[in-house]
Amino acid sequence: MQQAIIGFHLDEDHHWVAELACGHGQHVRHNPPWQNRPWVITEQGRQEKLGLLLDCKKCEETGSMA
């Protein structure tokens, strides 16, 4: 189920987590060559991704939103 990014925060390991409209979070790491997301390392890049839809794995597992 796709959900909009409404914010970001750093987890306890200092990895960026996208805060989704459903209340869940999803890591958005920049870890080349496996994950190429250079936008996540700058404030401007993260701000530009607000509203972007991501597949929420937790919503898909439960079949509903939070």
PDB file of N, CA and C in Angstrom:
ATOM      1  N   MET A   1       0.836  -1.167   0.000  1.00  0.00           N
ATOM      2  CA  MET A   1       0.000   0.000   0.000  1.00  0.00           C
ATOM      3  C   MET A   1       0.888   1.239   0.000  1.00  0.00           C
ATOM      4  N   GLN A   2       0.658   2.129  -0.925  1.00  0.00           N
ATOM      5  CA  GLN A   2       1.488   3.323  -1.022  1.00  0.00           C
ATOM      6  C   GLN A   2       1.035   4.396  -0.040  1.00  0.00           C
ATOM      7  N   GLN A   3       2.031   5.027   0.575  1.00  0.00           N
ATOM      8  CA  GLN A   3       1.794   6.083   1.548  1.00  0.00           C
ATOM      9  C   GLN A   3       2.738   7.246   1.256  1.00  0.00           C
ATOM     10  N   ALA A   4       2.272   8.456   1.533  1.00  0.00           N
ATOM     11  CA  ALA A   4       3.082   9.653   1.301  1.00  0.00           C
ATOM     12  C   ALA A   4       4.092   9.855   2.422  1.00  0.00           C
ATOM     13  N   ILE A   5       5.283  10.342   2.048  1.00  0.00           N
ATOM     14  CA  ILE A   5       6.281  10.742   3.037  1.00  0.00           C
ATOM     15  C   ILE A   5       5.833  12.078   3.620  1.00  0.00           C
ATOM     16  N   ILE A   6       5.760  12.139   4.953  1.00  0.00           N
ATOM     17  CA  ILE A   6       5.352  13.398   5.598  1.00  0.00           C
ATOM     18  C   ILE A   6       6.485  14.002   6.428  1.00  0.00           C
ATOM     19  N   GLY A   7       7.588  13.296   6.568  1.00  0.00           N
ATOM     20  CA  GLY A   7       8.722  13.802   7.329  1.00  0.00           C
ATOM     21  C   GLY A   7       9.838  12.780   7.372  1.00  0.00           C
ATOM     22  N   PHE A   8      10.900  13.133   8.081  1.00  0.00           N
ATOM     23  CA  PHE A   8      12.064  12.262   8.220  1.00  0.00           C
ATOM     24  C   PHE A   8      12.619  12.397   9.629  1.00  0.00           C
ATOM     25  N   HIS A   9      13.271  11.357  10.101  1.00  0.00           N
ATOM     26  CA  HIS A   9      14.023  11.425  11.346  1.00  0.00           C
ATOM     27  C   HIS A   9      15.178  10.427  11.283  1.00  0.00           C
ATOM     28  N   LEU A  10      16.147  10.623  12.159  1.00  0.00           N
ATOM     29  CA  LEU A  10      17.270   9.696  12.276  1.00  0.00           C
ATOM     30  C   LEU A  10      16.950   8.662  13.342  1.00  0.00           C
ATOM     31  N   ASP A  11      17.264   7.398  13.049  1.00  0.00           N
ATOM     32  CA  ASP A  11      17.065   6.359  14.058  1.00  0.00           C
ATOM     33  C   ASP A  11      18.271   6.327  15.000  1.00  0.00           C
ATOM     34  N   GLU A  12      18.273   5.389  15.938  1.00  0.00           N
ATOM     35  CA  GLU A  12      19.341   5.298  16.940  1.00  0.00           C
ATOM     36  C   GLU A  12      20.709   4.992  16.327  1.00  0.00           C
ATOM     37  N   ASP A  13      20.735   4.449  15.109  1.00  0.00           N
ATOM     38  CA  ASP A  13      21.995   4.164  14.417  1.00  0.00           C
ATOM     39  C   ASP A  13      22.365   5.254  13.423  1.00  0.00           C
ATOM     40  N   HIS A  14      21.640   6.363  13.464  1.00  0.00           N
ATOM     41  CA  HIS A  14      21.864   7.521  12.581  1.00  0.00           C
ATOM     42  C   HIS A  14      21.588   7.221  11.112  1.00  0.00           C
ATOM     43  N   HIS A  15      20.570   6.395  10.874  1.00  0.00           N
ATOM     44  CA  HIS A  15      20.084   6.130   9.526  1.00  0.00           C
ATOM     45  C   HIS A  15      18.776   6.889   9.352  1.00  0.00           C
ATOM     46  N   TRP A  16      18.547   7.439   8.155  1.00  0.00           N
ATOM     47  CA  TRP A  16      17.336   8.202   7.906  1.00  0.00           C
ATOM     48  C   TRP A  16      16.134   7.282   7.739  1.00  0.00           C
ATOM     49  N   VAL A  17      15.034   7.704   8.344  1.00  0.00           N
ATOM     50  CA  VAL A  17      13.766   6.988   8.275  1.00  0.00           C
ATOM     51  C   VAL A  17      12.720   7.956   7.739  1.00  0.00           C
ATOM     52  N   ALA A  18      12.025   7.530   6.687  1.00  0.00           N
ATOM     53  CA  ALA A  18      10.913   8.326   6.165  1.00  0.00           C
ATOM     54  C   ALA A  18       9.698   8.071   7.043  1.00  0.00           C
ATOM     55  N   GLU A  19       9.046   9.141   7.484  1.00  0.00           N
ATOM     56  CA  GLU A  19       7.810   9.037   8.248  1.00  0.00           C
ATOM     57  C   GLU A  19       6.662   9.060   7.254  1.00  0.00           C
ATOM     58  N   LEU A  20       5.828   8.030   7.290  1.00  0.00           N
ATOM     59  CA  LEU A  20       4.760   7.885   6.312  1.00  0.00           C
ATOM     60  C   LEU A  20       3.420   8.334   6.884  1.00  0.00           C
ATOM     61  N   ALA A  21       2.509   8.727   6.004  1.00  0.00           N
ATOM     62  CA  ALA A  21       1.202   9.243   6.401  1.00  0.00           C
ATOM     63  C   ALA A  21       0.408   8.252   7.241  1.00  0.00           C
ATOM     64  N   CYS A  22       0.673   6.974   7.096  1.00  0.00           N
ATOM     65  CA  CYS A  22      -0.046   5.939   7.838  1.00  0.00           C
ATOM     66  C   CYS A  22       0.447   5.804   9.271  1.00  0.00           C
ATOM     67  N   GLY A  23       1.568   6.460   9.597  1.00  0.00           N
ATOM     68  CA  GLY A  23       2.134   6.357  10.934  1.00  0.00           C
ATOM     69  C   GLY A  23       3.324   5.423  11.017  1.00  0.00           C
ATOM     70  N   HIS A  24       3.588   4.670   9.978  1.00  0.00           N
ATOM     71  CA  HIS A  24       4.745   3.780   9.951  1.00  0.00           C
ATOM     72  C   HIS A  24       5.978   4.540   9.470  1.00  0.00           C
ATOM     73  N   GLY A  25       7.121   3.907   9.593  1.00  0.00           N
ATOM     74  CA  GLY A  25       8.371   4.473   9.105  1.00  0.00           C
ATOM     75  C   GLY A  25       9.059   3.500   8.166  1.00  0.00           C
ATOM     76  N   GLN A  26       9.889   4.031   7.287  1.00  0.00           N
ATOM     77  CA  GLN A  26      10.646   3.182   6.363  1.00  0.00           C
ATOM     78  C   GLN A  26      12.031   3.770   6.184  1.00  0.00           C
ATOM     79  N   HIS A  27      13.070   2.942   6.366  1.00  0.00           N
ATOM     80  CA  HIS A  27      14.433   3.413   6.157  1.00  0.00           C
ATOM     81  C   HIS A  27      14.634   3.817   4.705  1.00  0.00           C
ATOM     82  N   VAL A  28      15.349   4.904   4.506  1.00  0.00           N
ATOM     83  CA  VAL A  28      15.684   5.384   3.157  1.00  0.00           C
ATOM     84  C   VAL A  28      17.187   5.669   3.140  1.00  0.00           C
ATOM     85  N   ARG A  29      17.957   4.592   3.077  1.00  0.00           N
ATOM     86  CA  ARG A  29      19.411   4.696   3.154  1.00  0.00           C
ATOM     87  C   ARG A  29      20.035   4.995   1.792  1.00  0.00           C
ATOM     88  N   HIS A  30      21.146   5.722   1.850  1.00  0.00           N
ATOM     89  CA  HIS A  30      22.007   5.883   0.674  1.00  0.00           C
ATOM     90  C   HIS A  30      23.217   5.004   0.948  1.00  0.00           C
ATOM     91  N   ASN A  31      23.253   3.842   0.305  1.00  0.00           N
ATOM     92  CA  ASN A  31      24.294   2.858   0.551  1.00  0.00           C
ATOM     93  C   ASN A  31      24.703   2.202  -0.764  1.00  0.00           C
ATOM     94  N   PRO A  32      25.377   2.982  -1.653  1.00  0.00           N
ATOM     95  CA  PRO A  32      25.757   2.429  -2.953  1.00  0.00           C
ATOM     96  C   PRO A  32      26.653   1.204  -2.794  1.00  0.00           C
ATOM     97  N   PRO A  33      26.590   0.241  -3.680  1.00  0.00           N
ATOM     98  CA  PRO A  33      25.757   0.183  -4.884  1.00  0.00           C
ATOM     99  C   PRO A  33      24.373  -0.421  -4.654  1.00  0.00           C
ATOM    100  N   TRP A  34      24.053  -0.829  -3.417  1.00  0.00           N
ATOM    101  CA  TRP A  34      22.781  -1.514  -3.171  1.00  0.00           C
ATOM    102  C   TRP A  34      21.600  -0.555  -3.152  1.00  0.00           C
ATOM    103  N   GLN A  35      21.755   0.591  -2.540  1.00  0.00           N
ATOM    104  CA  GLN A  35      20.692   1.585  -2.480  1.00  0.00           C
ATOM    105  C   GLN A  35      21.276   2.929  -2.860  1.00  0.00           C
ATOM    106  N   ASN A  36      20.803   3.483  -3.946  1.00  0.00           N
ATOM    107  CA  ASN A  36      21.341   4.740  -4.444  1.00  0.00           C
ATOM    108  C   ASN A  36      20.327   5.865  -4.217  1.00  0.00           C
ATOM    109  N   ARG A  37      20.439   6.505  -3.065  1.00  0.00           N
ATOM    110  CA  ARG A  37      19.539   7.602  -2.707  1.00  0.00           C
ATOM    111  C   ARG A  37      20.356   8.791  -2.197  1.00  0.00           C
ATOM    112  N   PRO A  38      21.131   9.437  -3.053  1.00  0.00           N
ATOM    113  CA  PRO A  38      21.959  10.550  -2.578  1.00  0.00           C
ATOM    114  C   PRO A  38      21.137  11.707  -2.026  1.00  0.00           C
ATOM    115  N   TRP A  39      19.863  11.800  -2.414  1.00  0.00           N
ATOM    116  CA  TRP A  39      19.013  12.889  -1.931  1.00  0.00           C
ATOM    117  C   TRP A  39      18.802  12.835  -0.428  1.00  0.00           C
ATOM    118  N   VAL A  40      18.927  11.661   0.184  1.00  0.00           N
ATOM    119  CA  VAL A  40      18.622  11.523   1.608  1.00  0.00           C
ATOM    120  C   VAL A  40      19.683  12.176   2.504  1.00  0.00           C
ATOM    121  N   ILE A  41      20.857  12.442   1.980  1.00  0.00           N
ATOM    122  CA  ILE A  41      21.923  12.967   2.823  1.00  0.00           C
ATOM    123  C   ILE A  41      21.906  14.490   2.949  1.00  0.00           C
ATOM    124  N   THR A  42      21.004  15.170   2.241  1.00  0.00           N
ATOM    125  CA  THR A  42      20.905  16.630   2.379  1.00  0.00           C
ATOM    126  C   THR A  42      19.496  17.024   2.806  1.00  0.00           C
ATOM    127  N   GLU A  43      19.415  18.100   3.563  1.00  0.00           N
ATOM    128  CA  GLU A  43      18.118  18.618   3.997  1.00  0.00           C
ATOM    129  C   GLU A  43      17.255  18.973   2.792  1.00  0.00           C
ATOM    130  N   GLN A  44      17.846  19.634   1.800  1.00  0.00           N
ATOM    131  CA  GLN A  44      17.100  20.009   0.599  1.00  0.00           C
ATOM    132  C   GLN A  44      16.574  18.774  -0.127  1.00  0.00           C
ATOM    133  N   GLY A  45      17.401  17.751  -0.248  1.00  0.00           N
ATOM    134  CA  GLY A  45      16.984  16.518  -0.911  1.00  0.00           C
ATOM    135  C   GLY A  45      15.806  15.867  -0.214  1.00  0.00           C
ATOM    136  N   ARG A  46      15.869  15.811   1.110  1.00  0.00           N
ATOM    137  CA  ARG A  46      14.752  15.227   1.868  1.00  0.00           C
ATOM    138  C   ARG A  46      13.493  16.071   1.716  1.00  0.00           C
ATOM    139  N   GLN A  47      13.614  17.384   1.787  1.00  0.00           N
ATOM    140  CA  GLN A  47      12.448  18.256   1.649  1.00  0.00           C
ATOM    141  C   GLN A  47      11.785  18.080   0.286  1.00  0.00           C
ATOM    142  N   GLU A  48      12.584  17.867  -0.749  1.00  0.00           N
ATOM    143  CA  GLU A  48      12.040  17.675  -2.098  1.00  0.00           C
ATOM    144  C   GLU A  48      11.260  16.370  -2.228  1.00  0.00           C
ATOM    145  N   LYS A  49      11.478  15.417  -1.330  1.00  0.00           N
ATOM    146  CA  LYS A  49      10.797  14.118  -1.405  1.00  0.00           C
ATOM    147  C   LYS A  49       9.530  14.064  -0.549  1.00  0.00           C
ATOM    148  N   LEU A  50       9.223  15.125   0.199  1.00  0.00           N
ATOM    149  CA  LEU A  50       7.977  15.141   0.960  1.00  0.00           C
ATOM    150  C   LEU A  50       6.807  14.980  -0.003  1.00  0.00           C
ATOM    151  N   GLY A  51       5.884  14.115   0.318  1.00  0.00           N
ATOM    152  CA  GLY A  51       4.748  13.823  -0.554  1.00  0.00           C
ATOM    153  C   GLY A  51       4.973  12.658  -1.492  1.00  0.00           C
ATOM    154  N   LEU A  52       6.223  12.227  -1.648  1.00  0.00           N
ATOM    155  CA  LEU A  52       6.536  11.075  -2.498  1.00  0.00           C
ATOM    156  C   LEU A  52       5.859   9.835  -1.928  1.00  0.00           C
ATOM    157  N   LEU A  53       5.306   9.009  -2.783  1.00  0.00           N
ATOM    158  CA  LEU A  53       4.655   7.786  -2.330  1.00  0.00           C
ATOM    159  C   LEU A  53       5.656   6.637  -2.265  1.00  0.00           C
ATOM    160  N   LEU A  54       5.648   5.937  -1.137  1.00  0.00           N
ATOM    161  CA  LEU A  54       6.462   4.737  -0.956  1.00  0.00           C
ATOM    162  C   LEU A  54       5.541   3.582  -0.611  1.00  0.00           C
ATOM    163  N   ASP A  55       5.956   2.375  -0.973  1.00  0.00           N
ATOM    164  CA  ASP A  55       5.211   1.192  -0.570  1.00  0.00           C
ATOM    165  C   ASP A  55       5.481   0.949   0.912  1.00  0.00           C
ATOM    166  N   CYS A  56       4.423   0.925   1.712  1.00  0.00           N
ATOM    167  CA  CYS A  56       4.568   0.652   3.141  1.00  0.00           C
ATOM    168  C   CYS A  56       4.450  -0.851   3.365  1.00  0.00           C
ATOM    169  N   LYS A  57       5.556  -1.462   3.726  1.00  0.00           N
ATOM    170  CA  LYS A  57       5.591  -2.912   3.948  1.00  0.00           C
ATOM    171  C   LYS A  57       4.708  -3.310   5.129  1.00  0.00           C
ATOM    172  N   LYS A  58       4.675  -2.490   6.178  1.00  0.00           N
ATOM    173  CA  LYS A  58       3.869  -2.823   7.355  1.00  0.00           C
ATOM    174  C   LYS A  58       2.381  -2.791   7.032  1.00  0.00           C
ATOM    175  N   CYS A  59       1.939  -1.819   6.237  1.00  0.00           N
ATOM    176  CA  CYS A  59       0.528  -1.776   5.830  1.00  0.00           C
ATOM    177  C   CYS A  59       0.195  -2.986   4.971  1.00  0.00           C
ATOM    178  N   GLU A  60       1.101  -3.372   4.092  1.00  0.00           N
ATOM    179  CA  GLU A  60       0.871  -4.534   3.230  1.00  0.00           C
ATOM    180  C   GLU A  60       0.773  -5.819   4.050  1.00  0.00           C
ATOM    181  N   GLU A  61       1.597  -5.925   5.106  1.00  0.00           N
ATOM    182  CA  GLU A  61       1.577  -7.123   5.951  1.00  0.00           C
ATOM    183  C   GLU A  61       0.254  -7.267   6.702  1.00  0.00           C
ATOM    184  N   THR A  62      -0.274  -6.148   7.187  1.00  0.00           N
ATOM    185  CA  THR A  62      -1.501  -6.199   7.988  1.00  0.00           C
ATOM    186  C   THR A  62      -2.765  -6.054   7.143  1.00  0.00           C
ATOM    187  N   GLY A  63      -2.584  -5.596   5.914  1.00  0.00           N
ATOM    188  CA  GLY A  63      -3.739  -5.406   5.037  1.00  0.00           C
ATOM    189  C   GLY A  63      -4.516  -4.139   5.309  1.00  0.00           C
ATOM    190  N   SER A  64      -3.956  -3.267   6.158  1.00  0.00           N
ATOM    191  CA  SER A  64      -4.606  -2.000   6.449  1.00  0.00           C
ATOM    192  C   SER A  64      -3.588  -0.987   6.926  1.00  0.00           C
ATOM    193  N   MET A  65      -4.062   0.241   7.107  1.00  0.00           N
ATOM    194  CA  MET A  65      -3.193   1.287   7.621  1.00  0.00           C
ATOM    195  C   MET A  65      -3.068   1.127   9.127  1.00  0.00           C
ATOM    196  N   ALA A  66      -2.103   1.866   9.710  1.00  0.00           N
ATOM    197  CA  ALA A  66      -1.779   1.759  11.134  1.00  0.00           C
ATOM    198  C   ALA A  66      -2.964   1.783  12.042  1.00  0.00           C
TER     199      ALA A  66
END
